[in-house]
N, C-alpha and C. Protein backbone atom coordinates (compact mmCIF):
# COMPACT_ATOMS: atom_id res chain seq x y z
N UNK A 1 -10.99 62.38 -35.35
CA UNK A 1 -12.32 61.91 -34.72
C UNK A 1 -11.90 61.84 -33.35
N UNK A 2 -12.86 62.65 -32.47
CA UNK A 2 -12.55 62.58 -30.95
C UNK A 2 -13.15 61.02 -30.60
N UNK A 3 -12.69 60.56 -29.10
CA UNK A 3 -13.07 59.53 -28.65
C UNK A 3 -14.54 59.79 -28.45
N UNK A 4 -15.13 58.59 -28.25
CA UNK A 4 -16.59 58.44 -28.01
C UNK A 4 -16.79 58.82 -26.71
N UNK A 5 -17.62 59.78 -26.25
CA UNK A 5 -18.03 60.10 -24.96
C UNK A 5 -18.89 59.11 -24.12
N UNK A 6 -18.32 58.62 -22.96
CA UNK A 6 -18.94 57.57 -22.25
C UNK A 6 -20.01 58.32 -21.46
N UNK A 7 -20.91 57.43 -20.82
CA UNK A 7 -22.00 57.92 -19.93
C UNK A 7 -21.05 58.42 -18.85
N UNK A 8 -20.21 57.94 -18.29
CA UNK A 8 -19.56 58.56 -16.94
C UNK A 8 -18.94 59.86 -17.01
N UNK A 9 -18.44 59.82 -18.10
CA UNK A 9 -17.51 61.11 -18.62
C UNK A 9 -18.77 62.28 -18.75
N UNK A 10 -19.96 62.12 -19.54
CA UNK A 10 -21.06 63.09 -19.74
C UNK A 10 -21.45 63.42 -18.37
N UNK A 11 -21.79 62.33 -17.84
CA UNK A 11 -22.49 62.60 -16.32
C UNK A 11 -21.26 63.50 -15.62
N UNK A 12 -20.05 63.41 -15.60
CA UNK A 12 -19.32 64.20 -14.81
C UNK A 12 -19.03 65.69 -15.56
N UNK A 13 -19.28 66.04 -16.94
CA UNK A 13 -19.36 67.37 -17.35
C UNK A 13 -20.49 67.82 -17.08
N UNK A 14 -21.79 67.23 -17.21
CA UNK A 14 -22.99 67.55 -16.74
C UNK A 14 -22.94 68.35 -15.26
N UNK A 15 -22.48 67.33 -14.29
CA UNK A 15 -22.37 67.76 -12.95
C UNK A 15 -21.52 69.02 -12.79
N UNK A 16 -20.40 68.94 -13.51
CA UNK A 16 -19.22 70.23 -13.26
C UNK A 16 -19.82 71.27 -13.78
N UNK A 17 -20.96 71.33 -14.83
CA UNK A 17 -21.50 72.61 -15.20
C UNK A 17 -22.65 72.86 -14.50
N UNK A 18 -23.07 71.93 -13.60
CA UNK A 18 -24.11 72.27 -12.59
C UNK A 18 -25.62 72.38 -13.02
N UNK A 19 -25.55 71.39 -14.25
CA UNK A 19 -26.82 71.17 -14.94
C UNK A 19 -27.55 70.09 -14.40
N UNK A 20 -28.84 70.09 -14.60
CA UNK A 20 -29.78 68.87 -14.48
C UNK A 20 -30.64 68.57 -15.59
N UNK A 21 -30.10 67.44 -16.04
CA UNK A 21 -30.71 67.27 -17.49
C UNK A 21 -31.41 65.74 -17.46
N UNK A 22 -32.53 65.55 -18.38
CA UNK A 22 -33.16 64.41 -18.50
C UNK A 22 -32.28 63.38 -19.51
N UNK A 23 -32.81 62.22 -19.21
CA UNK A 23 -32.10 61.32 -19.91
C UNK A 23 -32.34 61.73 -21.44
N UNK A 24 -33.41 62.14 -21.97
CA UNK A 24 -33.33 62.49 -23.25
C UNK A 24 -32.48 63.69 -23.77
N UNK A 25 -32.29 64.51 -22.78
CA UNK A 25 -31.34 65.68 -23.09
C UNK A 25 -30.16 65.03 -23.20
N UNK A 26 -29.56 64.13 -22.09
CA UNK A 26 -28.27 63.44 -22.16
C UNK A 26 -28.04 62.93 -23.58
N UNK A 27 -28.88 61.94 -23.82
CA UNK A 27 -28.92 61.42 -25.14
C UNK A 27 -28.54 62.17 -26.45
N UNK A 28 -29.20 63.45 -26.35
CA UNK A 28 -28.96 64.54 -27.27
C UNK A 28 -27.60 65.05 -27.38
N UNK A 29 -27.14 65.21 -26.13
CA UNK A 29 -25.87 65.64 -26.42
C UNK A 29 -24.76 64.81 -26.54
N UNK A 30 -25.05 63.68 -26.08
CA UNK A 30 -23.87 62.57 -26.51
C UNK A 30 -23.94 62.31 -28.18
N UNK A 31 -25.14 62.50 -28.68
CA UNK A 31 -25.31 62.09 -30.07
C UNK A 31 -24.50 63.17 -30.99
N UNK A 32 -24.33 64.43 -30.23
CA UNK A 32 -23.76 65.48 -31.22
C UNK A 32 -22.33 65.65 -30.78
N UNK A 33 -21.63 65.04 -29.92
CA UNK A 33 -20.72 65.18 -29.23
C UNK A 33 -19.53 65.37 -30.25
N UNK A 34 -19.45 64.41 -31.32
CA UNK A 34 -18.45 64.61 -32.32
C UNK A 34 -18.53 65.82 -33.15
N UNK A 35 -19.56 66.25 -33.27
CA UNK A 35 -19.58 67.51 -34.32
C UNK A 35 -19.19 68.72 -33.39
N UNK A 36 -19.67 68.60 -32.12
CA UNK A 36 -19.38 69.80 -31.33
C UNK A 36 -17.72 69.81 -31.04
N UNK A 37 -17.06 68.82 -30.72
CA UNK A 37 -15.79 68.59 -30.74
C UNK A 37 -14.81 68.90 -31.98
N UNK A 38 -15.47 68.64 -33.09
CA UNK A 38 -14.75 69.18 -34.25
C UNK A 38 -14.99 70.64 -34.58
N UNK A 39 -16.14 71.19 -34.21
CA UNK A 39 -16.57 72.66 -34.09
C UNK A 39 -15.50 73.49 -33.34
N UNK A 40 -15.15 72.82 -31.97
CA UNK A 40 -14.28 73.53 -31.17
C UNK A 40 -12.97 73.44 -31.61
N UNK A 41 -12.63 72.55 -32.14
CA UNK A 41 -11.07 72.34 -32.85
C UNK A 41 -10.93 73.34 -33.79
N UNK A 42 -11.98 73.68 -34.67
CA UNK A 42 -11.58 74.76 -35.75
C UNK A 42 -11.68 76.04 -35.11
N UNK A 43 -12.73 76.42 -34.26
CA UNK A 43 -12.82 77.83 -33.82
C UNK A 43 -11.63 77.93 -33.18
N UNK A 44 -11.20 76.99 -32.38
CA UNK A 44 -9.73 77.30 -31.31
C UNK A 44 -8.55 77.41 -32.22
N UNK A 45 -8.27 78.46 -32.74
CA UNK A 45 -7.10 78.55 -33.81
C UNK A 45 -6.92 80.16 -33.80
N UNK A 46 -5.57 80.38 -33.92
CA UNK A 46 -5.46 81.87 -34.26
C UNK A 46 -5.98 82.30 -35.58
N UNK A 47 -6.55 83.60 -35.66
CA UNK A 47 -7.07 83.85 -36.66
C UNK A 47 -6.79 85.54 -36.76
N UNK A 48 -6.58 85.84 -38.14
CA UNK A 48 -6.27 87.16 -38.66
C UNK A 48 -7.49 88.05 -38.45
N UNK A 49 -7.13 89.33 -38.69
CA UNK A 49 -8.28 90.18 -38.51
C UNK A 49 -9.30 90.15 -39.64
N UNK A 50 -9.11 89.45 -40.74
CA UNK A 50 -10.05 89.33 -41.95
C UNK A 50 -11.46 88.35 -41.46
N UNK A 51 -11.17 87.67 -39.99
CA UNK A 51 -12.37 86.82 -39.71
C UNK A 51 -13.43 87.70 -39.34
N UNK A 52 -13.06 89.06 -39.03
CA UNK A 52 -14.27 90.07 -38.66
C UNK A 52 -14.31 91.20 -39.43
N UNK A 53 -14.76 90.95 -40.76
CA UNK A 53 -14.83 91.95 -41.67
C UNK A 53 -15.40 93.23 -41.64
N UNK A 54 -16.52 93.20 -40.42
CA UNK A 54 -17.05 94.51 -40.34
C UNK A 54 -15.96 95.48 -39.67
N UNK A 55 -14.94 95.00 -39.03
CA UNK A 55 -13.87 96.07 -38.43
C UNK A 55 -12.70 96.30 -39.19
N UNK A 56 -12.80 95.81 -40.54
CA UNK A 56 -11.75 96.02 -41.68
C UNK A 56 -12.21 96.78 -42.56
N UNK A 57 -11.40 97.71 -42.89
CA UNK A 57 -11.59 98.46 -44.26
C UNK A 57 -10.33 98.32 -45.25
N UNK A 58 -9.32 97.77 -44.93
CA UNK A 58 -8.51 97.42 -46.10
C UNK A 58 -7.98 96.45 -45.42
N UNK A 59 -7.05 95.52 -46.38
CA UNK A 59 -6.03 94.46 -45.76
C UNK A 59 -5.27 94.03 -47.02
N UNK A 60 -4.39 93.17 -46.39
CA UNK A 60 -3.11 92.85 -47.42
C UNK A 60 -3.36 91.35 -47.76
N UNK A 61 -2.44 91.04 -48.74
CA UNK A 61 -2.47 89.39 -49.31
C UNK A 61 -2.48 88.87 -47.96
N UNK A 62 -1.50 88.89 -47.01
CA UNK A 62 -1.13 88.09 -45.95
C UNK A 62 -2.56 87.83 -45.00
N UNK A 63 -3.21 88.97 -45.13
CA UNK A 63 -4.52 88.73 -44.29
C UNK A 63 -5.39 87.79 -44.64
N UNK A 64 -5.30 87.31 -45.92
CA UNK A 64 -6.23 86.41 -46.58
C UNK A 64 -5.99 85.15 -45.99
């Protein structure tokens, strides 16, 4: 599980992205931080060509 996102860290990330958010929007982002971090961890890994089946017409066992 990622470390908790502090208010200071969130403010830094928002400023770095050039965004201007309301307090409610900041609270929403902070509440989903753990889920977004987990999603990013799963997405940022090497994948085989079987990930995009629309471009594959045949495959081998090691592709699975």
